PDB file of N, CA and C in Angstrom:
ATOM      1  N   MET A   1       0.804  -1.238  -0.008  1.00  0.00           N
ATOM      2  CA  MET A   1      -0.017  -0.010  -0.008  1.00  0.00           C
ATOM      3  C   MET A   1       0.878   1.262  -0.010  1.00  0.00           C
ATOM      4  N   VAL A   2       1.953   1.234   0.706  1.00  0.00           N
ATOM      5  CA  VAL A   2       2.832   2.423   0.748  1.00  0.00           C
ATOM      6  C   VAL A   2       3.309   2.793  -0.620  1.00  0.00           C
ATOM      7  N   GLU A   3       3.777   1.802  -1.395  1.00  0.00           N
ATOM      8  CA  GLU A   3       4.274   2.101  -2.702  1.00  0.00           C
ATOM      9  C   GLU A   3       3.151   2.622  -3.621  1.00  0.00           C
ATOM     10  N   GLU A   4       1.963   2.042  -3.457  1.00  0.00           N
ATOM     11  CA  GLU A   4       0.856   2.486  -4.275  1.00  0.00           C
ATOM     12  C   GLU A   4       0.457   3.957  -4.005  1.00  0.00           C
ATOM     13  N   VAL A   5       0.489   4.389  -2.728  1.00  0.00           N
ATOM     14  CA  VAL A   5       0.204   5.769  -2.403  1.00  0.00           C
ATOM     15  C   VAL A   5       1.248   6.694  -3.037  1.00  0.00           C
ATOM     16  N   ARG A   6       2.499   6.308  -2.891  1.00  0.00           N
ATOM     17  CA  ARG A   6       3.561   7.143  -3.456  1.00  0.00           C
ATOM     18  C   ARG A   6       3.525   7.119  -4.998  1.00  0.00           C
ATOM     19  N   LYS A   7       3.112   5.986  -5.526  1.00  0.00           N
ATOM     20  CA  LYS A   7       3.040   5.900  -6.984  1.00  0.00           C
ATOM     21  C   LYS A   7       1.921   6.856  -7.511  1.00  0.00           C
ATOM     22  N   ILE A   8       0.811   6.897  -6.832  1.00  0.00           N
ATOM     23  CA  ILE A   8      -0.214   7.780  -7.221  1.00  0.00           C
ATOM     24  C   ILE A   8       0.196   9.245  -7.128  1.00  0.00           C
ATOM     25  N   SER A   9       0.934   9.559  -6.085  1.00  0.00           N
ATOM     26  CA  SER A   9       1.436  10.921  -5.921  1.00  0.00           C
ATOM     27  C   SER A   9       2.424  11.295  -7.012  1.00  0.00           C
ATOM     28  N   MET A  10       3.280  10.365  -7.376  1.00  0.00           N
ATOM     29  CA  MET A  10       4.226  10.626  -8.434  1.00  0.00           C
ATOM     30  C   MET A  10       3.531  10.757  -9.758  1.00  0.00           C
ATOM     31  N   GLU A  11       2.462  10.029 -10.005  1.00  0.00           N
ATOM     32  CA  GLU A  11       1.669  10.138 -11.247  1.00  0.00           C
ATOM     33  C   GLU A  11       1.030  11.485 -11.325  1.00  0.00           C
ATOM     34  N   LEU A  12       0.513  12.013 -10.182  1.00  0.00           N
ATOM     35  CA  LEU A  12      -0.074  13.348 -10.152  1.00  0.00           C
ATOM     36  C   LEU A  12       0.989  14.397 -10.486  1.00  0.00           C
ATOM     37  N   LEU A  13       2.160  14.227  -9.879  1.00  0.00           N
ATOM     38  CA  LEU A  13       3.290  15.148 -10.183  1.00  0.00           C
ATOM     39  C   LEU A  13       3.608  15.086 -11.679  1.00  0.00           C
ATOM     40  N   ASP A  14       3.635  13.928 -12.280  1.00  0.00           N
ATOM     41  CA  ASP A  14       3.912  13.802 -13.681  1.00  0.00           C
ATOM     42  C   ASP A  14       2.891  14.446 -14.543  1.00  0.00           C
ATOM     43  N   MET A  15       1.606  14.430 -14.110  1.00  0.00           N
ATOM     44  CA  MET A  15       0.543  15.101 -14.824  1.00  0.00           C
ATOM     45  C   MET A  15       0.755  16.622 -14.804  1.00  0.00           C
ATOM     46  N   VAL A  16       1.102  17.132 -13.667  1.00  0.00           N
ATOM     47  CA  VAL A  16       1.393  18.553 -13.513  1.00  0.00           C
ATOM     48  C   VAL A  16       2.623  18.899 -14.340  1.00  0.00           C
ATOM     49  N   ASP A  17       3.612  18.004 -14.297  1.00  0.00           N
ATOM     50  CA  ASP A  17       4.825  18.241 -15.095  1.00  0.00           C
ATOM     51  C   ASP A  17       4.502  18.372 -16.619  1.00  0.00           C
ATOM     52  N   ARG A  18       3.657  17.519 -17.119  1.00  0.00           N
ATOM     53  CA  ARG A  18       3.281  17.643 -18.530  1.00  0.00           C
ATOM     54  C   ARG A  18       2.639  19.006 -18.835  1.00  0.00           C
ATOM     55  N   ILE A  19       1.772  19.438 -17.918  1.00  0.00           N
ATOM     56  CA  ILE A  19       1.094  20.729 -18.110  1.00  0.00           C
ATOM     57  C   ILE A  19       2.155  21.860 -18.141  1.00  0.00           C
ATOM     58  N   VAL A  20       3.053  21.821 -17.192  1.00  0.00           N
ATOM     59  CA  VAL A  20       4.147  22.844 -17.100  1.00  0.00           C
ATOM     60  C   VAL A  20       4.964  22.849 -18.376  1.00  0.00           C
ATOM     61  N   ARG A  21       5.426  21.674 -18.786  1.00  0.00           N
ATOM     62  CA  ARG A  21       6.309  21.597 -19.966  1.00  0.00           C
ATOM     63  C   ARG A  21       5.539  22.013 -21.213  1.00  0.00           C
ATOM     64  N   GLN A  22       4.278  21.840 -21.288  1.00  0.00           N
ATOM     65  CA  GLN A  22       3.508  22.249 -22.474  1.00  0.00           C
ATOM     66  C   GLN A  22       3.263  23.763 -22.533  1.00  0.00           C
ATOM     67  N   ASN A  23       3.265  24.379 -21.355  1.00  0.00           N
ATOM     68  CA  ASN A  23       2.790  25.757 -21.278  1.00  0.00           C
ATOM     69  C   ASN A  23       3.896  26.795 -20.936  1.00  0.00           C
ATOM     70  N   VAL A  24       4.983  26.345 -20.381  1.00  0.00           N
ATOM     71  CA  VAL A  24       6.073  27.315 -20.067  1.00  0.00           C
ATOM     72  C   VAL A  24       6.920  27.503 -21.280  1.00  0.00           C
ATOM     73  N   THR A  25       6.953  28.668 -21.823  1.00  0.00           N
ATOM     74  CA  THR A  25       7.703  28.936 -23.047  1.00  0.00           C
ATOM     75  C   THR A  25       9.036  29.651 -22.746  1.00  0.00           C
ATOM     76  N   ASN A  26       9.186  30.173 -21.569  1.00  0.00           N
ATOM     77  CA  ASN A  26      10.419  30.821 -21.210  1.00  0.00           C
ATOM     78  C   ASN A  26      11.511  29.807 -20.904  1.00  0.00           C
ATOM     79  N   GLY A  27      12.555  29.772 -21.696  1.00  0.00           N
ATOM     80  CA  GLY A  27      13.605  28.741 -21.575  1.00  0.00           C
ATOM     81  C   GLY A  27      14.255  28.741 -20.233  1.00  0.00           C
ATOM     82  N   ILE A  28      14.488  29.957 -19.691  1.00  0.00           N
ATOM     83  CA  ILE A  28      15.193  30.065 -18.385  1.00  0.00           C
ATOM     84  C   ILE A  28      14.285  29.479 -17.290  1.00  0.00           C
ATOM     85  N   ALA A  29      12.984  29.859 -17.316  1.00  0.00           N
ATOM     86  CA  ALA A  29      12.080  29.360 -16.313  1.00  0.00           C
ATOM     87  C   ALA A  29      11.926  27.832 -16.395  1.00  0.00           C
ATOM     88  N   LEU A  30      11.859  27.323 -17.640  1.00  0.00           N
ATOM     89  CA  LEU A  30      11.714  25.885 -17.795  1.00  0.00           C
ATOM     90  C   LEU A  30      12.959  25.164 -17.306  1.00  0.00           C
ATOM     91  N   SER A  31      14.121  25.721 -17.596  1.00  0.00           N
ATOM     92  CA  SER A  31      15.416  25.096 -17.150  1.00  0.00           C
ATOM     93  C   SER A  31      15.474  25.081 -15.641  1.00  0.00           C
ATOM     94  N   LEU A  32      15.068  26.167 -14.950  1.00  0.00           N
ATOM     95  CA  LEU A  32      15.059  26.216 -13.504  1.00  0.00           C
ATOM     96  C   LEU A  32      14.092  25.154 -12.956  1.00  0.00           C
ATOM     97  N   TYR A  33      12.954  25.078 -13.599  1.00  0.00           N
ATOM     98  CA  TYR A  33      11.953  24.107 -13.180  1.00  0.00           C
ATOM     99  C   TYR A  33      12.506  22.659 -13.287  1.00  0.00           C
ATOM    100  N   GLN A  34      13.120  22.360 -14.441  1.00  0.00           N
ATOM    101  CA  GLN A  34      13.641  21.001 -14.670  1.00  0.00           C
ATOM    102  C   GLN A  34      14.802  20.675 -13.727  1.00  0.00           C
ATOM    103  N   LYS A  35      15.686  21.647 -13.475  1.00  0.00           N
ATOM    104  CA  LYS A  35      16.855  21.357 -12.672  1.00  0.00           C
ATOM    105  C   LYS A  35      16.620  21.415 -11.149  1.00  0.00           C
ATOM    106  N   PHE A  36      15.710  22.242 -10.758  1.00  0.00           N
ATOM    107  CA  PHE A  36      15.503  22.479  -9.282  1.00  0.00           C
ATOM    108  C   PHE A  36      14.153  22.118  -8.788  1.00  0.00           C
ATOM    109  N   LEU A  37      13.113  22.674  -9.336  1.00  0.00           N
ATOM    110  CA  LEU A  37      11.767  22.497  -8.752  1.00  0.00           C
ATOM    111  C   LEU A  37      11.232  21.066  -8.887  1.00  0.00           C
ATOM    112  N   TYR A  38      11.235  20.485 -10.090  1.00  0.00           N
ATOM    113  CA  TYR A  38      10.757  19.123 -10.239  1.00  0.00           C
ATOM    114  C   TYR A  38      11.496  18.141  -9.371  1.00  0.00           C
ATOM    115  N   PRO A  39      12.811  18.110  -9.384  1.00  0.00           N
ATOM    116  CA  PRO A  39      13.570  17.178  -8.470  1.00  0.00           C
ATOM    117  C   PRO A  39      13.266  17.412  -7.010  1.00  0.00           C
ATOM    118  N   PHE A  40      13.102  18.726  -6.634  1.00  0.00           N
ATOM    119  CA  PHE A  40      12.753  19.017  -5.222  1.00  0.00           C
ATOM    120  C   PHE A  40      11.376  18.355  -4.885  1.00  0.00           C
ATOM    121  N   LEU A  41      10.402  18.591  -5.709  1.00  0.00           N
ATOM    122  CA  LEU A  41       9.070  18.040  -5.462  1.00  0.00           C
ATOM    123  C   LEU A  41       9.108  16.526  -5.419  1.00  0.00           C
ATOM    124  N   GLU A  42       9.864  15.917  -6.299  1.00  0.00           N
ATOM    125  CA  GLU A  42       9.985  14.469  -6.359  1.00  0.00           C
ATOM    126  C   GLU A  42      10.605  13.971  -5.037  1.00  0.00           C
ATOM    127  N   ARG A  43      11.654  14.590  -4.597  1.00  0.00           N
ATOM    128  CA  ARG A  43      12.283  14.222  -3.278  1.00  0.00           C
ATOM    129  C   ARG A  43      11.327  14.358  -2.104  1.00  0.00           C
ATOM    130  N   LYS A  44      10.568  15.455  -2.123  1.00  0.00           N
ATOM    131  CA  LYS A  44       9.602  15.717  -1.047  1.00  0.00           C
ATOM    132  C   LYS A  44       8.542  14.642  -1.011  1.00  0.00           C
ATOM    133  N   ILE A  45       8.035  14.264  -2.155  1.00  0.00           N
ATOM    134  CA  ILE A  45       7.053  13.196  -2.171  1.00  0.00           C
ATOM    135  C   ILE A  45       7.602  11.884  -1.630  1.00  0.00           C
ATOM    136  N   LYS A  46       8.807  11.594  -2.036  1.00  0.00           N
ATOM    137  CA  LYS A  46       9.468  10.328  -1.598  1.00  0.00           C
ATOM    138  C   LYS A  46       9.765  10.350  -0.092  1.00  0.00           C
ATOM    139  N   SER A  47       9.955  11.523   0.481  1.00  0.00           N
ATOM    140  CA  SER A  47      10.292  11.556   1.898  1.00  0.00           C
ATOM    141  C   SER A  47       9.087  11.917   2.794  1.00  0.00           C
ATOM    142  N   THR A  48       7.967  12.148   2.228  1.00  0.00           N
ATOM    143  CA  THR A  48       6.728  12.500   2.978  1.00  0.00           C
ATOM    144  C   THR A  48       6.131  11.216   3.609  1.00  0.00           C
ATOM    145  N   PRO A  49       5.747  11.232   4.880  1.00  0.00           N
ATOM    146  CA  PRO A  49       5.104  10.094   5.515  1.00  0.00           C
ATOM    147  C   PRO A  49       3.849   9.690   4.784  1.00  0.00           C
ATOM    148  N   GLU A  50       3.621   8.383   4.752  1.00  0.00           N
ATOM    149  CA  GLU A  50       2.469   7.795   4.041  1.00  0.00           C
ATOM    150  C   GLU A  50       1.136   8.423   4.498  1.00  0.00           C
ATOM    151  N   ASP A  51       0.951   8.619   5.772  1.00  0.00           N
ATOM    152  CA  ASP A  51      -0.281   9.117   6.289  1.00  0.00           C
ATOM    153  C   ASP A  51      -0.558  10.538   5.751  1.00  0.00           C
ATOM    154  N   LEU A  52       0.439  11.338   5.658  1.00  0.00           N
ATOM    155  CA  LEU A  52       0.293  12.707   5.153  1.00  0.00           C
ATOM    156  C   LEU A  52      -0.075  12.648   3.675  1.00  0.00           C
ATOM    157  N   ILE A  53       0.577  11.774   2.929  1.00  0.00           N
ATOM    158  CA  ILE A  53       0.263  11.622   1.469  1.00  0.00           C
ATOM    159  C   ILE A  53      -1.196  11.181   1.341  1.00  0.00           C
ATOM    160  N   LYS A  54      -1.648  10.223   2.142  1.00  0.00           N
ATOM    161  CA  LYS A  54      -3.010   9.749   2.108  1.00  0.00           C
ATOM    162  C   LYS A  54      -4.008  10.907   2.350  1.00  0.00           C
ATOM    163  N   GLN A  55      -3.686  11.711   3.391  1.00  0.00           N
ATOM    164  CA  GLN A  55      -4.619  12.834   3.711  1.00  0.00           C
ATOM    165  C   GLN A  55      -4.678  13.802   2.536  1.00  0.00           C
ATOM    166  N   ASN A  56      -3.532  14.090   1.913  1.00  0.00           N
ATOM    167  CA  ASN A  56      -3.547  15.035   0.767  1.00  0.00           C
ATOM    168  C   ASN A  56      -4.250  14.446  -0.446  1.00  0.00           C
ATOM    169  N   LEU A  57      -4.074  13.131  -0.644  1.00  0.00           N
ATOM    170  CA  LEU A  57      -4.766  12.511  -1.775  1.00  0.00           C
ATOM    171  C   LEU A  57      -6.281  12.522  -1.563  1.00  0.00           C
ATOM    172  N   GLN A  58      -6.675  12.337  -0.283  1.00  0.00           N
ATOM    173  CA  GLN A  58      -8.097  12.408   0.035  1.00  0.00           C
ATOM    174  C   GLN A  58      -8.696  13.800  -0.261  1.00  0.00           C
ATOM    175  N   ILE A  59      -7.886  14.851   0.098  1.00  0.00           N
ATOM    176  CA  ILE A  59      -8.340  16.232  -0.171  1.00  0.00           C
ATOM    177  C   ILE A  59      -8.445  16.431  -1.708  1.00  0.00           C
ATOM    178  N   THR A  60      -7.493  15.905  -2.453  1.00  0.00           N
ATOM    179  CA  THR A  60      -7.550  16.031  -3.890  1.00  0.00           C
ATOM    180  C   THR A  60      -8.747  15.320  -4.448  1.00  0.00           C
ATOM    181  N   PHE A  61      -8.983  14.132  -3.951  1.00  0.00           N
ATOM    182  CA  PHE A  61     -10.166  13.355  -4.403  1.00  0.00           C
ATOM    183  C   PHE A  61     -11.465  14.113  -4.139  1.00  0.00           C
ATOM    184  N   ASP A  62     -11.591  14.652  -2.923  1.00  0.00           N
ATOM    185  CA  ASP A  62     -12.791  15.402  -2.546  1.00  0.00           C
ATOM    186  C   ASP A  62     -13.016  16.613  -3.413  1.00  0.00           C
ATOM    187  N   LYS A  63     -11.949  17.303  -3.814  1.00  0.00           N
ATOM    188  CA  LYS A  63     -12.077  18.461  -4.715  1.00  0.00           C
ATOM    189  C   LYS A  63     -12.421  18.073  -6.113  1.00  0.00           C
ATOM    190  N   LEU A  64     -11.925  16.957  -6.596  1.00  0.00           N
ATOM    191  CA  LEU A  64     -12.218  16.564  -7.984  1.00  0.00           C
ATOM    192  C   LEU A  64     -13.477  15.774  -8.132  1.00  0.00           C
ATOM    193  N   LYS A  65     -13.992  15.178  -7.083  1.00  0.00           N
ATOM    194  CA  LYS A  65     -15.164  14.299  -7.150  1.00  0.00           C
ATOM    195  C   LYS A  65     -16.403  15.029  -7.774  1.00  0.00           C
ATOM    196  N   PRO A  66     -16.765  16.266  -7.332  1.00  0.00           N
ATOM    197  CA  PRO A  66     -17.910  16.911  -7.932  1.00  0.00           C
ATOM    198  C   PRO A  66     -17.807  17.108  -9.469  1.00  0.00           C
ATOM    199  N   PHE A  67     -16.596  17.433  -9.929  1.00  0.00           N
ATOM    200  CA  PHE A  67     -16.421  17.554 -11.345  1.00  0.00           C
ATOM    201  C   PHE A  67     -16.684  16.251 -12.094  1.00  0.00           C
ATOM    202  N   PHE A  68     -16.174  15.159 -11.603  1.00  0.00           N
ATOM    203  CA  PHE A  68     -16.364  13.874 -12.268  1.00  0.00           C
ATOM    204  C   PHE A  68     -17.803  13.393 -12.130  1.00  0.00           C
ATOM    205  N   GLU A  69     -18.439  13.714 -11.008  1.00  0.00           N
ATOM    206  CA  GLU A  69     -19.846  13.339 -10.889  1.00  0.00           C
ATOM    207  C   GLU A  69     -20.746  14.064 -11.931  1.00  0.00           C
ATOM    208  N   LYS A  70     -20.436  15.357 -12.139  1.00  0.00           N
ATOM    209  CA  LYS A  70     -21.141  16.142 -13.144  1.00  0.00           C
ATOM    210  C   LYS A  70     -20.870  15.590 -14.521  1.00  0.00           C
ATOM    211  N   LYS A  71     -19.625  15.242 -14.773  1.00  0.00           N
ATOM    212  CA  LYS A  71     -19.258  14.692 -16.056  1.00  0.00           C
ATOM    213  C   LYS A  71     -19.942  13.374 -16.310  1.00  0.00           C
ATOM    214  N   GLN A  72     -20.011  12.488 -15.285  1.00  0.00           N
ATOM    215  CA  GLN A  72     -20.656  11.221 -15.418  1.00  0.00           C
ATOM    216  C   GLN A  72     -22.134  11.401 -15.688  1.00  0.00           C
ATOM    217  N   LEU A  73     -22.783  12.308 -14.981  1.00  0.00           N
ATOM    218  CA  LEU A  73     -24.196  12.565 -15.187  1.00  0.00           C
ATOM    219  C   LEU A  73     -24.420  13.072 -16.611  1.00  0.00           C
ATOM    220  N   HIS A  74     -23.633  13.956 -17.043  1.00  0.00           N
ATOM    221  CA  HIS A  74     -23.718  14.489 -18.436  1.00  0.00           C
ATOM    222  C   HIS A  74     -23.639  13.363 -19.440  1.00  0.00           C
ATOM    223  N   ASP A  75     -22.626  12.513 -19.231  1.00  0.00           N
ATOM    224  CA  ASP A  75     -22.437  11.383 -20.159  1.00  0.00           C
ATOM    225  C   ASP A  75     -23.622  10.439 -20.165  1.00  0.00           C
ATOM    226  N   MET A  76     -24.184  10.183 -18.987  1.00  0.00           N
ATOM    227  CA  MET A  76     -25.338   9.270 -18.905  1.00  0.00           C
ATOM    228  C   MET A  76     -26.576   9.846 -19.607  1.00  0.00           C
ATOM    229  N   VAL A  77     -26.766  11.152 -19.473  1.00  0.00           N
ATOM    230  CA  VAL A  77     -27.866  11.852 -20.151  1.00  0.00           C
ATOM    231  C   VAL A  77     -27.704  11.754 -21.642  1.00  0.00           C
ATOM    232  N   GLU A  78     -26.482  12.050 -22.114  1.00  0.00           N
ATOM    233  CA  GLU A  78     -26.202  11.974 -23.553  1.00  0.00           C
ATOM    234  C   GLU A  78     -26.468  10.541 -24.064  1.00  0.00           C
ATOM    235  N   GLU A  79     -26.021   9.566 -23.339  1.00  0.00           N
ATOM    236  CA  GLU A  79     -26.229   8.178 -23.771  1.00  0.00           C
ATOM    237  C   GLU A  79     -27.709   7.827 -23.808  1.00  0.00           C
ATOM    238  N   GLY A  80     -28.477   8.276 -22.775  1.00  0.00           N
ATOM    239  CA  GLY A  80     -29.895   8.045 -22.787  1.00  0.00           C
ATOM    240  C   GLY A  80     -30.580   8.713 -23.989  1.00  0.00           C
ATOM    241  N   GLU A  81     -30.125   9.899 -24.321  1.00  0.00           N
ATOM    242  CA  GLU A  81     -30.716  10.606 -25.478  1.00  0.00           C
ATOM    243  C   GLU A  81     -30.409   9.855 -26.786  1.00  0.00           C
ATOM    244  N   LYS A  82     -29.247   9.276 -26.876  1.00  0.00           N
ATOM    245  CA  LYS A  82     -28.852   8.549 -28.044  1.00  0.00           C
ATOM    246  C   LYS A  82     -29.776   7.292 -28.179  1.00  0.00           C
ATOM    247  N   LEU A  83     -30.202   6.744 -27.041  1.00  0.00           N
ATOM    248  CA  LEU A  83     -31.043   5.554 -27.038  1.00  0.00           C
ATOM    249  C   LEU A  83     -32.540   5.889 -27.211  1.00  0.00           C
ATOM    250  N   GLY A  84     -32.859   7.210 -27.363  1.00  0.00           N
ATOM    251  CA  GLY A  84     -34.210   7.580 -27.663  1.00  0.00           C
ATOM    252  C   GLY A  84     -35.004   8.256 -26.534  1.00  0.00           C
ATOM    253  N   SER A  85     -34.429   8.454 -25.400  1.00  0.00           N
ATOM    254  CA  SER A  85     -35.169   9.076 -24.347  1.00  0.00           C
ATOM    255  C   SER A  85     -35.386  10.576 -24.668  1.00  0.00           C
ATOM    256  N   PRO A  86     -36.367  11.218 -24.066  1.00  0.00           N
ATOM    257  CA  PRO A  86     -36.646  12.652 -24.353  1.00  0.00           C
ATOM    258  C   PRO A  86     -35.389  13.484 -23.998  1.00  0.00           C
ATOM    259  N   LYS A  87     -35.248  14.603 -24.694  1.00  0.00           N
ATOM    260  CA  LYS A  87     -34.141  15.502 -24.429  1.00  0.00           C
ATOM    261  C   LYS A  87     -34.277  16.092 -23.025  1.00  0.00           C
ATOM    262  N   ILE A  88     -33.464  15.695 -22.111  1.00  0.00           N
ATOM    263  CA  ILE A  88     -33.488  16.180 -20.743  1.00  0.00           C
ATOM    264  C   ILE A  88     -33.042  17.630 -20.700  1.00  0.00           C
ATOM    265  N   LYS A  89     -32.218  18.036 -21.588  1.00  0.00           N
ATOM    266  CA  LYS A  89     -31.740  19.410 -21.610  1.00  0.00           C
ATOM    267  C   LYS A  89     -32.939  20.341 -21.844  1.00  0.00           C
ATOM    268  N   ASP A  90     -33.881  19.906 -22.627  1.00  0.00           N
ATOM    269  CA  ASP A  90     -35.079  20.727 -22.853  1.00  0.00           C
ATOM    270  C   ASP A  90     -36.022  20.705 -21.676  1.00  0.00           C
ATOM    271  N   LEU A  91     -36.027  19.612 -20.911  1.00  0.00           N
ATOM    272  CA  LEU A  91     -36.907  19.493 -19.729  1.00  0.00           C
ATOM    273  C   LEU A  91     -36.350  20.233 -18.542  1.00  0.00           C
ATOM    274  N   LEU A  92     -35.058  20.231 -18.379  1.00  0.00           N
ATOM    275  CA  LEU A  92     -34.418  20.777 -17.232  1.00  0.00           C
ATOM    276  C   LEU A  92     -33.458  21.867 -17.669  1.00  0.00           C
ATOM    277  N   LYS A  93     -33.561  22.977 -17.101  1.00  0.00           N
ATOM    278  CA  LYS A  93     -32.599  24.007 -17.339  1.00  0.00           C
ATOM    279  C   LYS A  93     -31.596  23.952 -16.159  1.00  0.00           C
ATOM    280  N   SER A  94     -30.409  23.445 -16.426  1.00  0.00           N
ATOM    281  CA  SER A  94     -29.478  23.174 -15.326  1.00  0.00           C
ATOM    282  C   SER A  94     -28.092  23.600 -15.732  1.00  0.00           C
ATOM    283  N   GLU A  95     -27.255  23.965 -14.830  1.00  0.00           N
ATOM    284  CA  GLU A  95     -25.857  24.311 -15.093  1.00  0.00           C
ATOM    285  C   GLU A  95     -25.039  23.058 -15.505  1.00  0.00           C
ATOM    286  N   TYR A  96     -25.562  21.866 -15.220  1.00  0.00           N
ATOM    287  CA  TYR A  96     -24.815  20.685 -15.571  1.00  0.00           C
ATOM    288  C   TYR A  96     -24.775  20.413 -17.035  1.00  0.00           C
ATOM    289  N   PHE A  97     -25.731  20.976 -17.774  1.00  0.00           N
ATOM    290  CA  PHE A  97     -25.820  20.692 -19.205  1.00  0.00           C
ATOM    291  C   PHE A  97     -25.453  21.948 -19.922  1.00  0.00           C
TER     292      PHE A  97
END
């Protein structure tokens, strides 16, 4: 379980890393990020106690959960409409759609 928690944390760091590398166009800033910031964050994740990582992952999950629930509901409505159910978007005026 310890390795799984750390692995998830490292995967999240890698996701953020991809976003940074795709969007930072300043060569100096990107170089500093690659040489100092990313390795620092990687070391901190590896040295952080498992319980603290779990707490932070739970916070992350709680923050992302509403987004994915809305997305899932939206996908289910679209699938239902494809199968012939009435257009729910016309029946309900909601921020989810």
